[in-house]
N, C-alpha and C. Protein backbone atom coordinates (compact mmCIF):
# COMPACT_ATOMS: atom_id res chain seq x y z
N UNK A 1 0.99 -1.16 -0.09
CA UNK A 1 -0.20 0.09 0.41
C UNK A 1 0.79 1.13 -0.36
N UNK A 2 1.51 1.29 0.78
CA UNK A 2 2.87 2.45 1.21
C UNK A 2 3.56 2.70 -0.46
N UNK A 3 3.85 1.59 -1.31
CA UNK A 3 4.11 1.73 -2.85
C UNK A 3 3.53 2.43 -3.44
N UNK A 4 1.90 1.94 -3.45
CA UNK A 4 1.19 3.15 -4.48
C UNK A 4 1.27 4.20 -4.00
N UNK A 5 0.77 4.77 -2.91
CA UNK A 5 0.83 6.12 -2.38
C UNK A 5 1.98 7.03 -2.82
N UNK A 6 3.36 6.08 -2.65
CA UNK A 6 4.29 7.33 -3.37
C UNK A 6 4.45 7.36 -4.61
N UNK A 7 3.80 6.18 -5.46
CA UNK A 7 3.23 6.11 -6.76
C UNK A 7 2.52 7.07 -7.37
N UNK A 8 1.41 7.44 -6.14
CA UNK A 8 0.43 8.39 -6.91
C UNK A 8 1.03 9.62 -6.39
N UNK A 9 1.63 10.00 -5.39
CA UNK A 9 2.55 11.08 -5.19
C UNK A 9 2.89 11.96 -6.62
N UNK A 10 3.81 10.91 -6.81
CA UNK A 10 5.01 11.03 -8.09
C UNK A 10 4.27 11.39 -9.04
N UNK A 11 3.08 10.35 -9.41
CA UNK A 11 2.39 10.56 -10.51
C UNK A 11 1.55 11.89 -10.65
N UNK A 12 1.17 12.56 -8.93
CA UNK A 12 0.54 13.83 -8.76
C UNK A 12 1.77 15.33 -9.51
N UNK A 13 3.10 15.03 -9.15
CA UNK A 13 4.28 15.97 -9.38
C UNK A 13 4.41 15.65 -10.76
N UNK A 14 4.48 14.79 -11.58
CA UNK A 14 4.62 14.64 -13.41
C UNK A 14 3.35 14.74 -13.65
N UNK A 15 1.85 14.69 -13.46
CA UNK A 15 0.91 15.52 -13.87
C UNK A 15 1.08 16.87 -13.82
N UNK A 16 1.47 17.75 -12.73
CA UNK A 16 1.69 19.44 -12.74
C UNK A 16 2.47 19.72 -14.03
N UNK A 17 3.24 19.03 -13.95
CA UNK A 17 4.67 19.22 -15.18
C UNK A 17 4.04 18.99 -16.47
N UNK A 18 3.16 18.15 -16.61
CA UNK A 18 2.26 17.92 -17.81
C UNK A 18 1.08 18.58 -18.48
N UNK A 19 0.62 19.45 -17.80
CA UNK A 19 -0.66 20.44 -17.29
C UNK A 19 -0.67 21.11 -18.43
N UNK A 20 -0.45 20.90 -19.73
CA UNK A 20 -0.72 22.05 -21.15
C UNK A 20 -1.92 21.69 -21.46
N UNK A 21 -2.80 22.38 -21.64
CA UNK A 21 -4.28 21.76 -22.03
C UNK A 21 -4.06 21.60 -23.81
N UNK A 22 -3.40 22.27 -24.09
CA UNK A 22 -3.17 22.08 -25.79
C UNK A 22 -2.95 20.56 -25.84
N UNK A 23 -1.04 20.54 -25.31
CA UNK A 23 -0.53 19.18 -25.31
C UNK A 23 -1.68 17.98 -24.91
N UNK A 24 -2.60 18.17 -24.10
CA UNK A 24 -3.65 17.16 -23.43
C UNK A 24 -4.48 17.17 -24.39
N UNK A 25 -5.07 17.74 -25.55
CA UNK A 25 -6.16 17.81 -26.65
C UNK A 25 -5.34 17.43 -27.45
N UNK A 26 -4.34 17.51 -27.81
CA UNK A 26 -3.35 16.54 -28.92
C UNK A 26 -3.48 15.09 -28.79
N UNK A 27 -2.93 15.30 -27.15
CA UNK A 27 -2.53 13.88 -26.99
C UNK A 27 -3.65 12.83 -27.16
N UNK A 28 -5.07 13.32 -26.10
CA UNK A 28 -6.30 12.90 -26.01
C UNK A 28 -6.87 12.24 -27.29
N UNK A 29 -6.50 13.25 -28.51
CA UNK A 29 -7.15 13.04 -29.80
C UNK A 29 -6.20 11.93 -30.56
N UNK A 30 -5.18 11.60 -30.11
CA UNK A 30 -4.27 10.62 -30.93
C UNK A 30 -4.76 9.25 -29.70
N UNK A 31 -4.90 9.02 -28.80
CA UNK A 31 -5.12 8.35 -27.98
C UNK A 31 -6.53 7.38 -28.42
N UNK A 32 -7.91 8.28 -28.63
CA UNK A 32 -8.86 8.18 -28.74
C UNK A 32 -8.88 7.48 -30.21
N UNK A 33 -8.17 8.22 -31.51
CA UNK A 33 -7.72 7.77 -32.15
C UNK A 33 -7.92 6.04 -32.91
N UNK A 34 -6.68 5.82 -31.71
CA UNK A 34 -5.99 4.84 -32.08
C UNK A 34 -7.37 3.73 -30.97
N UNK A 35 -7.56 4.42 -29.79
CA UNK A 35 -8.45 3.24 -29.03
C UNK A 35 -9.67 3.15 -30.65
N UNK A 36 -10.29 3.90 -31.33
CA UNK A 36 -11.50 3.87 -32.08
C UNK A 36 -11.36 2.94 -33.42
N UNK A 37 -9.45 2.91 -33.59
CA UNK A 37 -9.19 2.04 -34.30
C UNK A 37 -9.10 0.13 -34.06
N UNK A 38 -9.33 0.18 -32.51
CA UNK A 38 -8.65 -0.78 -32.17
C UNK A 38 -9.94 -1.91 -32.95
N UNK A 39 -9.48 -3.38 -32.82
CA UNK A 39 -10.54 -4.15 -33.75
C UNK A 39 -11.77 -4.29 -32.36
N UNK A 40 -10.94 -4.36 -31.15
CA UNK A 40 -11.79 -5.11 -30.25
C UNK A 40 -13.07 -3.69 -29.80
N UNK A 41 -12.51 -2.78 -30.08
CA UNK A 41 -13.60 -1.36 -30.00
C UNK A 41 -14.79 -1.28 -31.14
N UNK A 42 -13.93 -1.71 -32.27
CA UNK A 42 -14.56 -1.68 -33.61
C UNK A 42 -16.22 -2.89 -33.37
N UNK A 43 -15.50 -3.77 -33.22
CA UNK A 43 -16.31 -5.08 -33.19
C UNK A 43 -17.64 -4.99 -31.69
N UNK A 44 -16.86 -4.07 -30.63
CA UNK A 44 -18.16 -3.92 -29.53
C UNK A 44 -19.46 -3.34 -29.80
N UNK A 45 -20.38 -3.68 -29.42
CA UNK A 45 -21.58 -3.29 -29.54
C UNK A 45 -22.09 -2.18 -28.38
N UNK A 46 -21.83 -2.70 -27.27
CA UNK A 46 -21.89 -1.90 -25.85
C UNK A 46 -20.32 -2.16 -25.22
N UNK A 47 -20.45 -0.51 -24.96
CA UNK A 47 -18.95 -0.10 -24.58
C UNK A 47 -19.14 0.82 -23.11
N UNK A 48 -18.28 0.44 -22.06
CA UNK A 48 -18.06 1.62 -21.05
C UNK A 48 -17.01 1.87 -21.14
N UNK A 49 -17.30 3.58 -20.91
CA UNK A 49 -16.15 4.47 -21.41
C UNK A 49 -16.54 5.21 -19.65
N UNK A 50 -15.84 6.36 -19.75
CA UNK A 50 -15.97 7.24 -18.40
C UNK A 50 -16.44 8.66 -18.85
N UNK A 51 -16.66 9.49 -18.40
CA UNK A 51 -16.59 10.73 -18.42
C UNK A 51 -15.46 11.75 -17.49
N UNK A 52 -14.44 11.90 -18.80
CA UNK A 52 -13.46 12.47 -18.28
C UNK A 52 -13.15 13.33 -17.00
N UNK A 53 -12.15 13.39 -15.91
CA UNK A 53 -11.62 14.85 -15.29
C UNK A 53 -10.81 15.28 -15.86
N UNK A 54 -10.44 16.88 -15.40
CA UNK A 54 -9.96 17.62 -16.38
C UNK A 54 -8.26 17.37 -16.48
N UNK A 55 -8.02 16.08 -15.50
CA UNK A 55 -6.83 15.29 -15.63
C UNK A 55 -6.40 14.23 -16.43
N UNK A 56 -7.56 13.48 -17.03
CA UNK A 56 -7.62 12.55 -17.88
C UNK A 56 -7.59 13.26 -19.34
N UNK A 57 -7.21 11.59 -20.26
CA UNK A 57 -7.62 11.36 -21.63
C UNK A 57 -9.16 12.18 -21.71
N UNK A 58 -9.54 13.09 -22.49
CA UNK A 58 -10.84 13.55 -22.98
C UNK A 58 -11.46 12.43 -23.28
N UNK A 59 -12.45 12.28 -23.01
CA UNK A 59 -13.18 11.54 -23.62
C UNK A 59 -14.74 11.83 -23.76
N UNK A 60 -15.02 13.28 -23.58
CA UNK A 60 -16.33 14.30 -23.76
C UNK A 60 -16.98 13.99 -24.94
N UNK A 61 -15.96 14.41 -26.15
CA UNK A 61 -16.87 14.52 -27.75
C UNK A 61 -16.68 13.16 -27.81
N UNK A 62 -15.62 12.05 -27.69
CA UNK A 62 -15.83 11.03 -27.71
C UNK A 62 -16.74 10.20 -27.64
N UNK A 63 -17.55 10.46 -26.27
CA UNK A 63 -18.81 9.76 -25.89
C UNK A 63 -19.49 10.17 -26.82
N UNK A 64 -20.14 11.18 -26.93
CA UNK A 64 -21.26 12.13 -27.89
C UNK A 64 -21.20 11.41 -29.45
N UNK A 65 -20.04 11.51 -29.62
CA UNK A 65 -19.55 10.71 -31.01
C UNK A 65 -19.90 9.20 -31.42
N UNK A 66 -19.84 8.62 -30.38
CA UNK A 66 -19.79 6.72 -30.39
C UNK A 66 -21.19 6.78 -30.29
N UNK A 67 -21.95 7.36 -29.31
CA UNK A 67 -23.24 7.51 -28.71
C UNK A 67 -24.35 7.20 -29.75
N UNK A 68 -23.97 7.48 -31.36
CA UNK A 68 -24.72 7.14 -32.18
C UNK A 68 -24.95 5.76 -32.96
N UNK A 69 -23.39 5.71 -32.61
CA UNK A 69 -23.15 3.84 -33.46
C UNK A 69 -23.37 2.34 -32.35
N UNK A 70 -23.07 3.15 -31.23
CA UNK A 70 -22.95 2.49 -29.93
C UNK A 70 -23.76 2.50 -28.96
N UNK A 71 -24.09 1.30 -27.93
CA UNK A 71 -24.46 1.48 -26.66
C UNK A 71 -23.74 1.87 -25.92
N UNK A 72 -23.29 3.29 -25.12
CA UNK A 72 -22.17 3.62 -24.13
C UNK A 72 -22.99 3.88 -23.02
N UNK A 73 -21.80 2.97 -22.13
CA UNK A 73 -22.24 2.78 -20.34
C UNK A 73 -21.64 4.04 -20.07
N UNK A 74 -22.15 4.47 -19.06
CA UNK A 74 -20.74 5.65 -18.33
C UNK A 74 -21.05 5.24 -16.92
N UNK A 75 -20.00 5.07 -16.02
CA UNK A 75 -19.73 5.03 -14.17
C UNK A 75 -20.68 5.96 -13.86
N UNK A 76 -21.34 5.82 -12.77
CA UNK A 76 -21.93 6.72 -11.75
C UNK A 76 -21.32 6.45 -10.23
N UNK A 77 -21.08 7.35 -9.28
CA UNK A 77 -20.43 6.60 -7.98
C UNK A 77 -21.96 7.03 -7.33
N UNK A 78 -22.03 5.83 -6.66
CA UNK A 78 -23.27 5.84 -6.05
C UNK A 78 -22.80 5.27 -4.49
N UNK A 79 -22.30 5.62 -3.35
CA UNK A 79 -21.50 4.93 -2.46
C UNK A 79 -20.12 4.85 -2.63
N UNK A 80 -19.82 3.46 -2.13
CA UNK A 80 -18.82 3.09 -2.75
C UNK A 80 -18.88 2.20 -3.56
N UNK A 81 -19.68 2.50 -4.57
CA UNK A 81 -19.64 1.79 -6.05
C UNK A 81 -19.79 2.32 -7.07
N UNK A 82 -19.14 1.73 -8.07
CA UNK A 82 -19.96 2.29 -9.18
C UNK A 82 -21.36 1.57 -9.98
N UNK A 83 -22.26 2.69 -10.54
CA UNK A 83 -23.48 1.79 -11.07
C UNK A 83 -23.16 2.35 -12.11
N UNK A 84 -23.29 1.36 -13.13
CA UNK A 84 -23.94 1.92 -15.06
C UNK A 84 -24.58 2.40 -15.07
N UNK A 85 -24.92 3.54 -15.93
CA UNK A 85 -25.74 3.94 -16.88
C UNK A 85 -25.79 3.90 -18.08
N UNK A 86 -27.03 4.19 -18.86
CA UNK A 86 -26.73 4.36 -20.56
C UNK A 86 -26.54 5.73 -20.73
N UNK A 87 -25.85 6.04 -21.45
CA UNK A 87 -25.64 7.62 -21.88
C UNK A 87 -26.62 7.81 -23.07
N UNK A 88 -27.63 8.52 -22.70
CA UNK A 88 -28.80 9.19 -23.61
C UNK A 88 -28.65 10.41 -24.51
N UNK A 89 -27.39 10.99 -23.97
CA UNK A 89 -27.24 12.54 -24.30
C UNK A 89 -26.44 13.91 -23.08
N UNK A 90 -26.43 14.72 -23.82
CA UNK A 90 -25.49 15.95 -22.60
C UNK A 90 -26.87 16.44 -21.66
N UNK A 91 -27.71 16.15 -22.08
CA UNK A 91 -29.12 16.71 -21.36
C UNK A 91 -29.77 16.12 -20.17
N UNK A 92 -28.95 14.53 -20.34
CA UNK A 92 -29.61 13.47 -19.73
C UNK A 92 -28.34 13.74 -18.97
N UNK A 93 -27.31 14.46 -18.16
CA UNK A 93 -26.24 14.70 -17.65
C UNK A 93 -26.31 15.06 -16.37
N UNK A 94 -25.96 15.10 -15.32
CA UNK A 94 -26.06 16.01 -13.63
C UNK A 94 -24.48 15.65 -13.27
N UNK A 95 -24.37 16.66 -12.54
CA UNK A 95 -22.97 16.45 -11.97
C UNK A 95 -23.05 15.82 -10.45
N UNK A 96 -22.57 14.57 -10.53
CA UNK A 96 -22.47 13.95 -9.29
C UNK A 96 -20.96 13.89 -8.75
N UNK A 97 -21.18 12.68 -7.85
CA UNK A 97 -19.52 12.91 -6.86
C UNK A 97 -19.00 13.07 -7.49
N UNK A 98 -17.46 13.94 -6.63
CA UNK A 98 -16.20 14.65 -7.42
C UNK A 98 -16.49 15.62 -8.72
N UNK A 99 -17.66 16.20 -8.66
CA UNK A 99 -17.90 16.74 -9.74
C UNK A 99 -17.60 16.49 -11.07
N UNK A 100 -18.03 15.19 -11.11
CA UNK A 100 -18.28 14.40 -12.49
C UNK A 100 -19.80 14.41 -13.34
N UNK A 101 -19.41 14.51 -14.22
CA UNK A 101 -20.72 14.50 -14.98
C UNK A 101 -21.60 13.17 -15.08
N UNK A 102 -22.56 13.17 -14.41
CA UNK A 102 -23.24 11.45 -14.80
C UNK A 102 -24.14 11.30 -15.65
N UNK A 103 -24.75 10.23 -16.11
CA UNK A 103 -26.05 10.09 -16.59
C UNK A 103 -27.10 10.02 -15.76
N UNK A 104 -28.59 10.24 -15.72
CA UNK A 104 -29.28 10.22 -14.73
C UNK A 104 -30.45 8.89 -14.70
N UNK A 105 -30.37 8.25 -15.87
CA UNK A 105 -31.26 7.09 -16.69
C UNK A 105 -31.02 6.07 -15.36
N UNK A 106 -31.85 5.30 -15.79
CA UNK A 106 -31.91 3.57 -15.14
C UNK A 106 -30.40 3.38 -14.99
N UNK A 107 -30.27 2.46 -14.07
CA UNK A 107 -29.27 1.86 -13.33
C UNK A 107 -29.24 0.10 -14.74
N UNK A 108 -27.68 0.21 -15.11
CA UNK A 108 -27.64 -1.11 -16.23
C UNK A 108 -27.09 -2.32 -15.49
N UNK A 109 -27.75 -3.17 -15.04
CA UNK A 109 -26.81 -4.52 -15.00
C UNK A 109 -26.44 -5.82 -15.78
N UNK A 110 -26.63 -5.70 -17.27
CA UNK A 110 -26.38 -6.72 -18.10
C UNK A 110 -25.02 -6.73 -17.99
N UNK A 111 -24.16 -6.83 -17.05
CA UNK A 111 -22.72 -6.84 -17.50
C UNK A 111 -21.98 -7.89 -18.40
N UNK A 112 -22.89 -9.36 -18.61
CA UNK A 112 -22.41 -9.99 -19.69
C UNK A 112 -22.35 -9.46 -20.82
N UNK A 113 -23.21 -8.23 -20.78
CA UNK A 113 -23.47 -7.64 -22.62
C UNK A 113 -22.49 -6.95 -23.05
N UNK A 114 -21.52 -6.59 -21.69
CA UNK A 114 -20.58 -5.28 -22.16
C UNK A 114 -19.40 -5.99 -22.85
N UNK A 115 -18.99 -5.44 -24.38
CA UNK A 115 -17.82 -6.08 -24.78
C UNK A 115 -16.50 -5.50 -24.53
N UNK A 116 -16.69 -3.94 -24.14
CA UNK A 116 -15.07 -3.33 -24.15
C UNK A 116 -15.47 -2.40 -23.47
N UNK A 117 -14.49 -2.12 -22.35
CA UNK A 117 -14.06 -1.36 -21.19
C UNK A 117 -12.84 -0.07 -21.27
N UNK A 118 -13.21 0.88 -21.34
CA UNK A 118 -12.09 2.27 -21.35
C UNK A 118 -11.79 1.84 -19.82
N UNK A 119 -10.25 1.80 -19.51
CA UNK A 119 -10.22 2.32 -17.83
C UNK A 119 -9.36 3.31 -17.59
N UNK A 120 -9.92 4.75 -16.99
CA UNK A 120 -8.87 5.51 -16.40
C UNK A 120 -8.06 5.21 -15.70
N UNK A 121 -6.97 5.70 -15.45
CA UNK A 121 -6.12 5.78 -14.48
C UNK A 121 -4.75 6.45 -14.10
N UNK A 122 -4.38 6.66 -13.28
CA UNK A 122 -3.16 7.09 -12.13
C UNK A 122 -1.73 6.64 -13.00
N UNK A 123 -1.71 5.48 -13.28
CA UNK A 123 -0.68 5.15 -13.77
C UNK A 123 -0.69 3.69 -14.30
N UNK A 124 -0.01 2.98 -15.21
CA UNK A 124 -0.26 1.86 -16.10
C UNK A 124 1.22 1.53 -16.12
N UNK A 125 1.52 -0.30 -15.72
CA UNK A 125 3.00 -0.26 -16.56
C UNK A 125 2.54 -1.56 -17.59
N UNK A 126 3.64 -2.04 -18.54
CA UNK A 126 3.88 -2.55 -19.67
C UNK A 126 3.37 -3.78 -19.32
N UNK A 127 3.15 -4.56 -18.33
CA UNK A 127 2.67 -5.72 -18.03
C UNK A 127 1.04 -5.72 -17.92
N UNK A 128 0.40 -4.30 -18.14
CA UNK A 128 -0.96 -4.07 -17.93
C UNK A 128 -1.36 -3.93 -16.64
N UNK A 129 -0.73 -3.29 -15.63
CA UNK A 129 -1.18 -3.40 -14.29
C UNK A 129 -1.90 -1.97 -14.43
N UNK A 130 -2.45 -1.44 -13.75
CA UNK A 130 -3.01 -0.11 -13.22
C UNK A 130 -3.30 0.30 -11.73
N UNK A 131 -3.12 1.82 -11.77
CA UNK A 131 -2.78 2.37 -10.68
C UNK A 131 -4.06 2.81 -10.23
N UNK A 132 -4.61 2.68 -9.48
CA UNK A 132 -6.07 3.92 -9.66
C UNK A 132 -6.19 5.01 -8.78
N UNK A 133 -7.09 5.72 -8.61
CA UNK A 133 -7.02 6.63 -7.20
C UNK A 133 -7.19 6.16 -5.77
N UNK A 134 -7.11 5.05 -5.54
CA UNK A 134 -7.09 4.69 -4.41
C UNK A 134 -8.22 4.41 -3.75
N UNK A 135 -9.68 5.08 -4.31
CA UNK A 135 -10.63 4.35 -3.66
C UNK A 135 -11.32 2.94 -4.16
N UNK A 136 -10.91 2.34 -5.35
CA UNK A 136 -11.38 0.98 -5.38
C UNK A 136 -12.32 0.61 -6.15
N UNK A 137 -13.19 1.71 -6.75
CA UNK A 137 -14.12 1.87 -7.82
C UNK A 137 -14.08 0.79 -8.60
N UNK A 138 -12.96 0.39 -9.50
CA UNK A 138 -12.86 0.05 -10.44
C UNK A 138 -12.53 -1.57 -10.29
N UNK A 139 -11.57 -1.71 -8.91
CA UNK A 139 -11.48 -2.93 -8.08
C UNK A 139 -12.64 -3.97 -7.90
N UNK A 140 -13.60 -3.09 -7.64
CA UNK A 140 -14.78 -3.96 -7.05
C UNK A 140 -16.09 -3.99 -8.37
N UNK A 141 -15.66 -2.70 -9.61
CA UNK A 141 -16.36 -3.06 -10.25
C UNK A 141 -15.97 -4.28 -11.54
N UNK A 142 -14.73 -4.36 -12.18
CA UNK A 142 -14.22 -5.07 -13.22
C UNK A 142 -15.08 -6.54 -13.06
N UNK A 143 -14.35 -7.26 -11.77
CA UNK A 143 -14.48 -8.54 -11.55
C UNK A 143 -16.09 -8.55 -12.17
N UNK A 144 -16.66 -8.02 -12.00
CA UNK A 144 -18.48 -7.92 -12.66
C UNK A 144 -18.34 -8.59 -14.05
N UNK A 145 -17.49 -7.89 -14.73
CA UNK A 145 -17.29 -7.96 -16.04
C UNK A 145 -16.03 -8.47 -16.84
N UNK A 146 -15.71 -9.71 -16.24
CA UNK A 146 -14.67 -10.96 -16.88
C UNK A 146 -14.68 -10.79 -18.21
N UNK A 147 -15.66 -10.92 -19.20
CA UNK A 147 -15.42 -11.48 -20.35
C UNK A 147 -14.67 -9.75 -21.31
N UNK A 148 -15.16 -8.67 -20.61
CA UNK A 148 -14.92 -7.42 -21.50
C UNK A 148 -14.04 -7.12 -21.67
N UNK A 149 -13.23 -6.74 -22.89
CA UNK A 149 -12.05 -6.34 -23.20
C UNK A 149 -11.85 -5.23 -22.65
N UNK A 150 -10.54 -4.94 -21.89
CA UNK A 150 -10.04 -3.80 -21.02
C UNK A 150 -8.97 -3.24 -21.67
N UNK A 151 -9.44 -1.69 -22.07
CA UNK A 151 -8.11 -1.21 -22.62
C UNK A 151 -7.75 -0.05 -21.44
N UNK A 152 -7.00 0.09 -21.14
CA UNK A 152 -5.94 1.10 -20.20
C UNK A 152 -5.98 2.28 -21.02
N UNK A 153 -6.44 3.60 -20.93
CA UNK A 153 -6.10 4.40 -21.46
C UNK A 153 -5.55 6.04 -20.77
N UNK A 154 -4.41 6.29 -21.54
CA UNK A 154 -3.37 7.46 -20.85
C UNK A 154 -2.57 8.18 -20.93
N UNK A 155 -2.03 9.38 -20.99
CA UNK A 155 -1.07 10.09 -21.55
C UNK A 155 0.62 8.83 -21.33
N UNK A 156 1.33 9.54 -21.99
CA UNK A 156 2.43 8.74 -22.46
C UNK A 156 2.93 8.96 -20.70
N UNK A 157 3.34 10.16 -20.38
CA UNK A 157 3.71 10.29 -18.90
C UNK A 157 3.07 8.88 -17.76
N UNK A 158 2.24 8.50 -17.79
CA UNK A 158 1.59 7.87 -16.80
C UNK A 158 2.08 6.53 -17.02
N UNK A 159 2.83 6.29 -18.16
CA UNK A 159 3.39 4.96 -17.64
C UNK A 159 4.80 4.85 -17.22
N UNK A 160 4.40 3.76 -16.41
CA UNK A 160 5.76 3.69 -15.08
C UNK A 160 6.16 2.10 -15.31
N UNK A 161 7.41 2.14 -15.03
CA UNK A 161 8.58 0.48 -14.93
C UNK A 161 7.54 -0.17 -13.99
N UNK A 162 6.99 0.08 -13.50
CA UNK A 162 6.13 -1.14 -12.62
C UNK A 162 5.28 -0.67 -11.61
N UNK A 163 3.62 -1.05 -11.68
CA UNK A 163 2.83 -0.91 -10.81
C UNK A 163 2.79 -1.59 -9.28
N UNK A 164 3.15 -1.49 -8.64
CA UNK A 164 2.43 -2.36 -7.25
C UNK A 164 0.93 -3.02 -7.69
N UNK A 165 1.29 -4.55 -7.61
CA UNK A 165 -0.01 -5.08 -7.82
C UNK A 165 -0.54 -6.05 -6.74
N UNK A 166 -1.56 -6.24 -6.62
CA UNK A 166 -2.48 -7.38 -5.20
C UNK A 166 -3.02 -8.31 -6.01
N UNK A 167 -3.05 -9.39 -5.34
CA UNK A 167 -3.95 -10.91 -6.30
C UNK A 167 -5.04 -10.01 -6.77
N UNK A 168 -5.93 -8.81 -6.07
CA UNK A 168 -7.23 -8.65 -6.79
C UNK A 168 -7.06 -7.85 -7.58
N UNK A 169 -6.16 -7.46 -7.97
CA UNK A 169 -6.02 -5.88 -9.35
C UNK A 169 -6.12 -6.63 -10.56
N UNK A 170 -7.07 -6.16 -11.11
CA UNK A 170 -7.28 -6.76 -12.85
C UNK A 170 -6.69 -5.58 -13.70
N UNK A 171 -6.17 -6.58 -14.42
CA UNK A 171 -5.12 -6.17 -15.47
C UNK A 171 -5.80 -5.75 -16.78
N UNK A 172 -5.61 -5.16 -17.75
CA UNK A 172 -5.56 -4.63 -18.67
C UNK A 172 -5.55 -5.71 -19.95
N UNK A 173 -5.93 -5.79 -20.92
CA UNK A 173 -5.69 -6.51 -22.28
C UNK A 173 -4.71 -5.72 -23.14
N UNK A 174 -4.72 -4.30 -22.87
CA UNK A 174 -4.03 -3.66 -23.79
C UNK A 174 -3.74 -2.12 -23.13
N UNK A 175 -2.91 -1.51 -23.40
CA UNK A 175 -2.87 -0.21 -22.51
C UNK A 175 -2.56 0.72 -24.03
N UNK A 176 -3.45 1.83 -23.87
CA UNK A 176 -3.50 2.81 -25.00
C UNK A 176 -2.88 4.31 -24.99
N UNK A 177 -2.36 4.88 -25.48
CA UNK A 177 -1.38 6.09 -25.36
C UNK A 177 -0.88 6.20 -26.34
N UNK A 178 -0.54 7.80 -26.56
CA UNK A 178 -0.11 8.37 -27.70
C UNK A 178 1.02 8.12 -28.28
N UNK A 179 1.96 7.26 -27.38
CA UNK A 179 3.30 7.04 -28.25
C UNK A 179 2.92 5.85 -29.04
N UNK A 180 3.79 6.07 -30.29
CA UNK A 180 3.73 5.02 -31.27
C UNK A 180 4.23 3.95 -30.89
N UNK A 181 4.03 3.11 -30.32
CA UNK A 181 4.76 1.82 -29.47
C UNK A 181 4.13 0.46 -29.25
N UNK A 182 4.66 -0.43 -29.04
CA UNK A 182 3.81 -1.74 -29.20
C UNK A 182 2.82 -1.31 -28.20
N UNK A 183 2.47 -0.55 -27.17
CA UNK A 183 1.49 -0.56 -25.95
C UNK A 183 0.19 -0.13 -26.81
N UNK A 184 0.11 0.42 -27.06
CA UNK A 184 -1.31 0.77 -28.49
C UNK A 184 -1.67 0.42 -29.67
N UNK A 185 -0.56 -1.17 -29.92
CA UNK A 185 -0.75 -1.22 -31.33
C UNK A 185 -1.73 -2.65 -31.22
N UNK A 186 -2.36 -2.78 -32.12
CA UNK A 186 -4.12 -3.59 -31.74
C UNK A 186 -3.59 -5.02 -31.83
N UNK A 187 -2.42 -5.05 -32.69
CA UNK A 187 -1.55 -6.37 -32.97
C UNK A 187 -1.00 -7.08 -32.02
N UNK A 188 -0.51 -6.19 -30.85
CA UNK A 188 0.64 -6.52 -29.62
C UNK A 188 -0.49 -6.40 -28.32
N UNK A 189 -1.42 -7.48 -28.21
CA UNK A 189 -1.62 -7.63 -26.99
C UNK A 189 -0.98 -7.76 -25.83
N UNK A 190 -1.22 -7.22 -24.28
CA UNK A 190 -0.19 -7.54 -23.47
C UNK A 190 -0.09 -8.68 -22.51
N UNK A 191 0.80 -9.45 -22.55
CA UNK A 191 0.67 -10.67 -21.63
C UNK A 191 0.20 -10.63 -20.81
N UNK A 192 -0.54 -12.19 -20.20
CA UNK A 192 -1.36 -12.31 -19.17
C UNK A 192 -0.96 -11.64 -17.99
N UNK A 193 -1.41 -11.25 -17.24
CA UNK A 193 -0.78 -10.98 -16.03
C UNK A 193 -0.17 -11.93 -15.01
N UNK A 194 0.87 -12.09 -14.07
CA UNK A 194 1.10 -13.32 -13.71
C UNK A 194 1.10 -12.76 -11.94
N UNK A 195 0.20 -13.31 -11.45
CA UNK A 195 -0.11 -13.07 -10.08
C UNK A 195 0.27 -14.10 -9.73
N UNK A 196 1.27 -13.89 -7.92
CA UNK A 196 1.42 -15.22 -7.41
C UNK A 196 0.50 -15.23 -6.13
């Protein structure tokens, strides 16, 4: 746990150094172009995205764009859990916990129907391990959706040598970033995580 705290602190200081809105917009566009070109995303009919915070890959326009072609779900913070709700348009959003815009419709529980998940994180490593913000929301949600393809999406500075991982942590199938490397190449999925 201590190593995770230290890594979150380090990432917070790196975030300040990389906080150029112009650069973030350019990188977000490249990351989302790689995401939408990925065969697993193309084939998916039900996709779980997230409505980004200021320091995350900007998904707002991407959600609107793809909601015309796919069933888009967004997470909603309810207590210690993430509920999923169908995105039906910007007019059906309300500001929720942490200032995140969230859909106000009915809860979606057909987890087996979800084909693809774009997962945010504080940091990722090249094995597919993910460091979240420390609240455990995705740690509790992802085990309910085991069959969905999981893509961690992040800025290049968020790729680190090693993310400390516990047995319960869920690995990503791929990490998509704006660097032209094997992490975001659709034909080079990550090796399965090895948990002891």
